N, C-alpha and C. Protein backbone atom coordinates (compact mmCIF):
# COMPACT_ATOMS: atom_id res chain seq x y z
N MET A 1 34.31 27.45 3.29
CA MET A 1 34.97 26.24 3.65
C MET A 1 36.19 26.58 4.48
N ARG A 2 36.31 25.88 5.54
CA ARG A 2 37.38 26.15 6.50
C ARG A 2 38.48 25.11 6.39
N THR A 3 39.70 25.51 6.37
CA THR A 3 40.81 24.56 6.34
C THR A 3 41.47 24.56 7.69
N THR A 4 41.85 23.40 8.14
CA THR A 4 42.53 23.29 9.42
C THR A 4 44.00 23.04 9.16
N HIS A 5 44.82 23.65 9.95
CA HIS A 5 46.25 23.48 9.84
C HIS A 5 46.76 22.74 11.06
N PRO A 6 47.68 21.83 10.87
CA PRO A 6 48.22 21.13 12.03
C PRO A 6 49.01 22.07 12.92
N ILE A 7 48.99 21.79 14.19
CA ILE A 7 49.72 22.62 15.16
C ILE A 7 51.19 22.24 15.08
N PRO A 8 52.08 23.20 14.96
CA PRO A 8 53.51 22.88 14.90
C PRO A 8 53.99 22.31 16.23
N PHE A 9 55.08 21.50 16.20
CA PHE A 9 55.61 20.87 17.41
C PHE A 9 56.07 21.89 18.44
N SER A 10 56.52 23.01 18.03
CA SER A 10 57.03 24.01 18.98
C SER A 10 55.94 24.56 19.86
N VAL A 11 54.72 24.56 19.41
CA VAL A 11 53.61 25.10 20.20
C VAL A 11 53.18 24.10 21.26
N LEU A 12 53.30 22.84 21.02
CA LEU A 12 52.87 21.82 21.97
C LEU A 12 53.82 21.79 23.16
N SER A 13 53.29 21.43 24.32
CA SER A 13 54.14 21.29 25.49
C SER A 13 54.97 20.01 25.35
N SER A 14 55.94 19.83 26.23
CA SER A 14 56.83 18.68 26.13
C SER A 14 56.07 17.37 26.35
N LYS A 15 55.00 17.37 27.18
CA LYS A 15 54.22 16.16 27.40
C LYS A 15 53.35 15.84 26.20
N GLN A 16 52.98 16.85 25.47
CA GLN A 16 52.08 16.63 24.35
C GLN A 16 52.82 16.32 23.05
N LYS A 17 54.13 16.51 23.06
CA LYS A 17 54.86 16.26 21.82
C LYS A 17 54.73 14.78 21.46
N GLN A 18 54.48 14.57 20.23
CA GLN A 18 54.30 13.20 19.77
C GLN A 18 55.51 12.80 18.94
N ASP A 19 56.29 11.91 19.52
CA ASP A 19 57.42 11.37 18.78
C ASP A 19 56.88 10.27 17.87
N PRO A 20 57.47 10.15 16.73
CA PRO A 20 57.01 9.05 15.88
C PRO A 20 57.27 7.71 16.58
N ALA A 21 56.38 6.78 16.36
CA ALA A 21 56.49 5.47 16.99
C ALA A 21 57.76 4.77 16.50
N PRO A 22 58.47 4.11 17.42
CA PRO A 22 59.68 3.41 16.99
C PRO A 22 59.32 2.27 16.02
N VAL A 23 60.13 2.11 15.04
CA VAL A 23 59.90 1.07 14.05
C VAL A 23 60.39 -0.25 14.62
N ARG A 24 59.53 -1.21 14.64
CA ARG A 24 59.88 -2.52 15.17
C ARG A 24 59.94 -3.51 14.01
N HIS A 25 61.05 -4.15 13.90
CA HIS A 25 61.19 -5.18 12.87
C HIS A 25 60.98 -6.54 13.53
N LEU A 26 59.93 -7.17 13.14
CA LEU A 26 59.63 -8.48 13.70
C LEU A 26 60.36 -9.55 12.89
N THR A 27 61.01 -10.42 13.60
CA THR A 27 61.64 -11.55 12.93
C THR A 27 60.77 -12.76 13.17
N LEU A 28 60.38 -13.39 12.11
CA LEU A 28 59.53 -14.56 12.22
C LEU A 28 60.38 -15.82 12.15
N ASN A 29 60.11 -16.71 13.02
CA ASN A 29 60.82 -17.99 13.01
C ASN A 29 60.09 -18.93 12.06
N MET A 30 60.48 -18.86 10.81
CA MET A 30 59.84 -19.68 9.79
C MET A 30 60.74 -20.87 9.47
N PRO A 31 60.13 -22.00 9.13
CA PRO A 31 60.95 -23.16 8.78
C PRO A 31 61.64 -22.93 7.44
N PRO A 32 62.69 -23.66 7.16
CA PRO A 32 63.36 -23.50 5.87
C PRO A 32 62.46 -23.97 4.74
N LYS A 33 62.73 -23.46 3.54
CA LYS A 33 61.88 -23.80 2.41
C LYS A 33 62.12 -25.23 1.93
N HIS A 34 63.32 -25.72 2.09
CA HIS A 34 63.63 -27.08 1.67
C HIS A 34 63.82 -27.94 2.92
N PRO A 35 63.36 -29.19 2.89
CA PRO A 35 63.57 -30.04 4.06
C PRO A 35 65.05 -30.32 4.27
N ALA A 36 65.39 -30.48 5.51
CA ALA A 36 66.78 -30.74 5.85
C ALA A 36 67.19 -32.11 5.36
N THR A 37 68.37 -32.18 4.78
CA THR A 37 68.86 -33.47 4.29
C THR A 37 69.64 -34.21 5.36
N ASN A 38 70.08 -33.49 6.35
CA ASN A 38 70.84 -34.09 7.43
C ASN A 38 69.87 -34.78 8.39
N PRO A 39 70.04 -36.07 8.69
CA PRO A 39 69.10 -36.74 9.58
C PRO A 39 69.08 -36.16 10.99
N ALA A 40 70.18 -35.54 11.41
CA ALA A 40 70.20 -34.95 12.74
C ALA A 40 69.35 -33.69 12.79
N MET A 41 69.17 -33.04 11.64
CA MET A 41 68.40 -31.80 11.59
C MET A 41 66.90 -32.06 11.47
N SER A 42 66.51 -33.12 10.82
CA SER A 42 65.09 -33.37 10.59
C SER A 42 64.50 -34.17 11.75
N PRO A 43 63.20 -33.98 11.99
CA PRO A 43 62.56 -34.77 13.06
C PRO A 43 62.47 -36.22 12.63
N SER A 44 62.46 -37.09 13.63
CA SER A 44 62.46 -38.52 13.32
C SER A 44 61.05 -38.94 12.89
N VAL A 45 60.92 -39.28 11.64
CA VAL A 45 59.66 -39.74 11.09
C VAL A 45 59.91 -41.12 10.49
N ALA A 46 59.10 -42.06 10.89
CA ALA A 46 59.28 -43.42 10.39
C ALA A 46 58.88 -43.47 8.93
N LYS A 47 59.79 -43.93 8.10
CA LYS A 47 59.53 -44.03 6.67
C LYS A 47 58.83 -45.35 6.38
N LYS A 48 57.79 -45.29 5.54
CA LYS A 48 57.07 -46.50 5.19
C LYS A 48 57.96 -47.39 4.33
N THR A 49 57.90 -48.67 4.63
CA THR A 49 58.66 -49.61 3.82
C THR A 49 57.79 -50.09 2.68
N ARG A 50 58.40 -50.28 1.55
CA ARG A 50 57.68 -50.72 0.36
C ARG A 50 57.55 -52.24 0.41
N LYS A 51 56.33 -52.71 0.31
CA LYS A 51 56.08 -54.15 0.36
C LYS A 51 55.87 -54.65 -1.07
N SER A 52 56.68 -55.60 -1.47
CA SER A 52 56.51 -56.17 -2.80
C SER A 52 55.91 -57.56 -2.66
N LEU A 53 54.99 -57.86 -3.56
CA LEU A 53 54.33 -59.16 -3.54
C LEU A 53 55.12 -60.14 -4.39
N THR A 54 55.16 -61.36 -3.96
CA THR A 54 55.86 -62.38 -4.73
C THR A 54 55.03 -62.76 -5.95
N LEU A 55 55.68 -63.39 -6.90
CA LEU A 55 54.99 -63.82 -8.12
C LEU A 55 53.91 -64.85 -7.79
N GLU A 56 54.18 -65.67 -6.82
CA GLU A 56 53.21 -66.69 -6.41
C GLU A 56 51.92 -66.04 -5.88
N VAL A 57 52.08 -64.99 -5.09
CA VAL A 57 50.91 -64.29 -4.54
C VAL A 57 50.13 -63.60 -5.66
N LYS A 58 50.85 -62.99 -6.60
CA LYS A 58 50.18 -62.32 -7.71
C LYS A 58 49.40 -63.31 -8.57
N LEU A 59 50.00 -64.47 -8.83
CA LEU A 59 49.29 -65.49 -9.61
C LEU A 59 48.06 -66.00 -8.86
N ASP A 60 48.17 -66.14 -7.56
CA ASP A 60 47.04 -66.58 -6.75
C ASP A 60 45.91 -65.55 -6.82
N ILE A 61 46.25 -64.28 -6.77
CA ILE A 61 45.24 -63.21 -6.86
C ILE A 61 44.55 -63.26 -8.22
N ILE A 62 45.32 -63.45 -9.29
CA ILE A 62 44.74 -63.50 -10.64
C ILE A 62 43.81 -64.70 -10.77
N HIS A 63 44.22 -65.87 -10.29
CA HIS A 63 43.38 -67.07 -10.40
C HIS A 63 42.10 -66.92 -9.58
N ARG A 64 42.20 -66.34 -8.43
CA ARG A 64 40.99 -66.12 -7.62
C ARG A 64 40.05 -65.12 -8.29
N HIS A 65 40.63 -64.12 -8.92
CA HIS A 65 39.81 -63.12 -9.61
C HIS A 65 39.10 -63.75 -10.81
N GLU A 66 39.81 -64.59 -11.56
CA GLU A 66 39.20 -65.24 -12.72
C GLU A 66 38.12 -66.23 -12.28
N ALA A 67 38.28 -66.84 -11.11
CA ALA A 67 37.28 -67.77 -10.60
C ALA A 67 36.16 -67.05 -9.84
N ARG A 68 36.27 -65.73 -9.75
CA ARG A 68 35.28 -64.89 -9.04
C ARG A 68 35.16 -65.28 -7.56
N LYS A 69 36.29 -65.56 -6.94
CA LYS A 69 36.29 -65.93 -5.53
C LYS A 69 37.03 -64.86 -4.73
N LEU A 70 36.49 -64.54 -3.58
CA LEU A 70 37.14 -63.70 -2.58
C LEU A 70 37.62 -62.33 -3.10
N ILE A 71 36.87 -61.74 -3.99
CA ILE A 71 37.26 -60.42 -4.50
C ILE A 71 37.12 -59.38 -3.39
N ALA A 72 36.09 -59.51 -2.57
CA ALA A 72 35.90 -58.57 -1.47
C ALA A 72 37.03 -58.69 -0.45
N LEU A 73 37.51 -59.90 -0.24
CA LEU A 73 38.61 -60.11 0.69
C LEU A 73 39.90 -59.47 0.17
N LEU A 74 40.11 -59.54 -1.14
CA LEU A 74 41.29 -58.90 -1.72
C LEU A 74 41.28 -57.39 -1.47
N ALA A 75 40.09 -56.81 -1.56
CA ALA A 75 39.99 -55.36 -1.38
C ALA A 75 40.28 -54.95 0.06
N THR A 76 40.03 -55.84 1.01
CA THR A 76 40.32 -55.49 2.41
C THR A 76 41.78 -55.70 2.76
N ILE A 77 42.44 -56.65 2.10
CA ILE A 77 43.84 -56.95 2.42
C ILE A 77 44.79 -56.01 1.70
N LEU A 78 44.56 -55.83 0.40
CA LEU A 78 45.45 -55.02 -0.42
C LEU A 78 44.78 -53.70 -0.80
N THR A 79 45.58 -52.75 -1.21
CA THR A 79 45.02 -51.48 -1.66
C THR A 79 44.41 -51.66 -3.04
N PRO A 80 43.38 -50.89 -3.37
CA PRO A 80 42.74 -51.03 -4.68
C PRO A 80 43.70 -50.80 -5.85
N SER A 81 44.64 -49.89 -5.68
CA SER A 81 45.58 -49.63 -6.78
C SER A 81 46.48 -50.83 -7.03
N THR A 82 46.86 -51.53 -5.98
CA THR A 82 47.70 -52.72 -6.14
C THR A 82 46.93 -53.81 -6.87
N VAL A 83 45.69 -54.03 -6.47
CA VAL A 83 44.88 -55.07 -7.09
C VAL A 83 44.62 -54.74 -8.56
N SER A 84 44.29 -53.49 -8.86
CA SER A 84 44.02 -53.13 -10.25
C SER A 84 45.27 -53.22 -11.11
N THR A 85 46.43 -52.91 -10.54
CA THR A 85 47.68 -53.04 -11.29
C THR A 85 47.97 -54.51 -11.60
N ILE A 86 47.70 -55.39 -10.65
CA ILE A 86 47.90 -56.82 -10.89
C ILE A 86 46.97 -57.32 -11.99
N PHE A 87 45.69 -56.88 -11.96
CA PHE A 87 44.75 -57.30 -12.99
C PHE A 87 45.14 -56.74 -14.36
N LYS A 88 45.65 -55.53 -14.39
CA LYS A 88 46.03 -54.90 -15.65
C LYS A 88 47.23 -55.62 -16.28
N LEU A 89 48.15 -56.08 -15.44
CA LEU A 89 49.36 -56.76 -15.92
C LEU A 89 49.24 -58.28 -15.83
N ALA A 90 48.02 -58.78 -15.84
CA ALA A 90 47.79 -60.22 -15.64
C ALA A 90 48.50 -61.06 -16.70
N ASP A 91 48.47 -60.63 -17.96
CA ASP A 91 49.10 -61.44 -19.02
C ASP A 91 50.60 -61.57 -18.82
N SER A 92 51.26 -60.46 -18.53
CA SER A 92 52.72 -60.53 -18.33
C SER A 92 53.08 -61.30 -17.06
N ILE A 93 52.23 -61.21 -16.04
CA ILE A 93 52.49 -61.96 -14.80
C ILE A 93 52.33 -63.46 -15.06
N LYS A 94 51.32 -63.83 -15.86
CA LYS A 94 51.13 -65.25 -16.19
C LYS A 94 52.31 -65.80 -16.99
N LYS A 95 52.80 -65.00 -17.95
CA LYS A 95 53.96 -65.44 -18.74
C LYS A 95 55.18 -65.62 -17.85
N ALA A 96 55.38 -64.69 -16.94
CA ALA A 96 56.51 -64.81 -16.02
C ALA A 96 56.36 -66.03 -15.13
N GLY A 97 55.14 -66.33 -14.72
CA GLY A 97 54.89 -67.51 -13.90
C GLY A 97 55.17 -68.80 -14.63
N GLU A 98 54.87 -68.82 -15.94
CA GLU A 98 55.14 -70.03 -16.72
C GLU A 98 56.64 -70.27 -16.86
N THR A 99 57.40 -69.22 -17.11
CA THR A 99 58.85 -69.41 -17.28
C THR A 99 59.51 -69.77 -15.96
N VAL A 100 59.05 -69.16 -14.89
CA VAL A 100 59.65 -69.45 -13.59
C VAL A 100 59.33 -70.88 -13.17
N SER A 101 58.09 -71.31 -13.36
CA SER A 101 57.73 -72.67 -12.94
C SER A 101 58.44 -73.71 -13.80
N SER A 102 58.64 -73.42 -15.09
CA SER A 102 59.35 -74.39 -15.93
C SER A 102 60.83 -74.46 -15.54
N LEU A 103 61.41 -73.33 -15.17
CA LEU A 103 62.80 -73.34 -14.71
C LEU A 103 62.93 -74.10 -13.40
N GLN A 104 61.98 -73.95 -12.54
CA GLN A 104 62.03 -74.67 -11.28
C GLN A 104 61.85 -76.17 -11.50
N ALA A 105 61.01 -76.53 -12.45
CA ALA A 105 60.80 -77.96 -12.74
C ALA A 105 62.08 -78.58 -13.29
N LYS A 106 62.83 -77.87 -14.11
CA LYS A 106 64.07 -78.42 -14.65
C LYS A 106 65.11 -78.61 -13.55
N ARG A 107 65.09 -77.77 -12.58
CA ARG A 107 66.06 -77.89 -11.49
C ARG A 107 65.76 -79.08 -10.60
N THR A 108 64.48 -79.37 -10.40
CA THR A 108 64.13 -80.45 -9.48
C THR A 108 64.31 -81.83 -10.10
N THR A 109 64.30 -81.95 -11.44
CA THR A 109 64.41 -83.28 -12.06
C THR A 109 65.82 -83.68 -12.35
């Protein structure tokens, strides 16, 4: 078995000398880990506005659902989560509607 030995640098000519490659440190332009809180620093993104439904609209949705009318139309206008939340809270919405309508009736008479 034959072993090979590396040639020492002194034996190589000046053109053949191999200098170690220079170490290059790359700096990566990465975004910060946390979003910027300063509005001037962050890109302008339009924030969605929260739309709240009035009690009258919620009661109308509940009555239409109980009458089995226009359920497909509700699904196209409102998001399914909104509709299901209204149906889930139907009892409390009806109670609120009764108290509000009775208060309004007392004011008008």
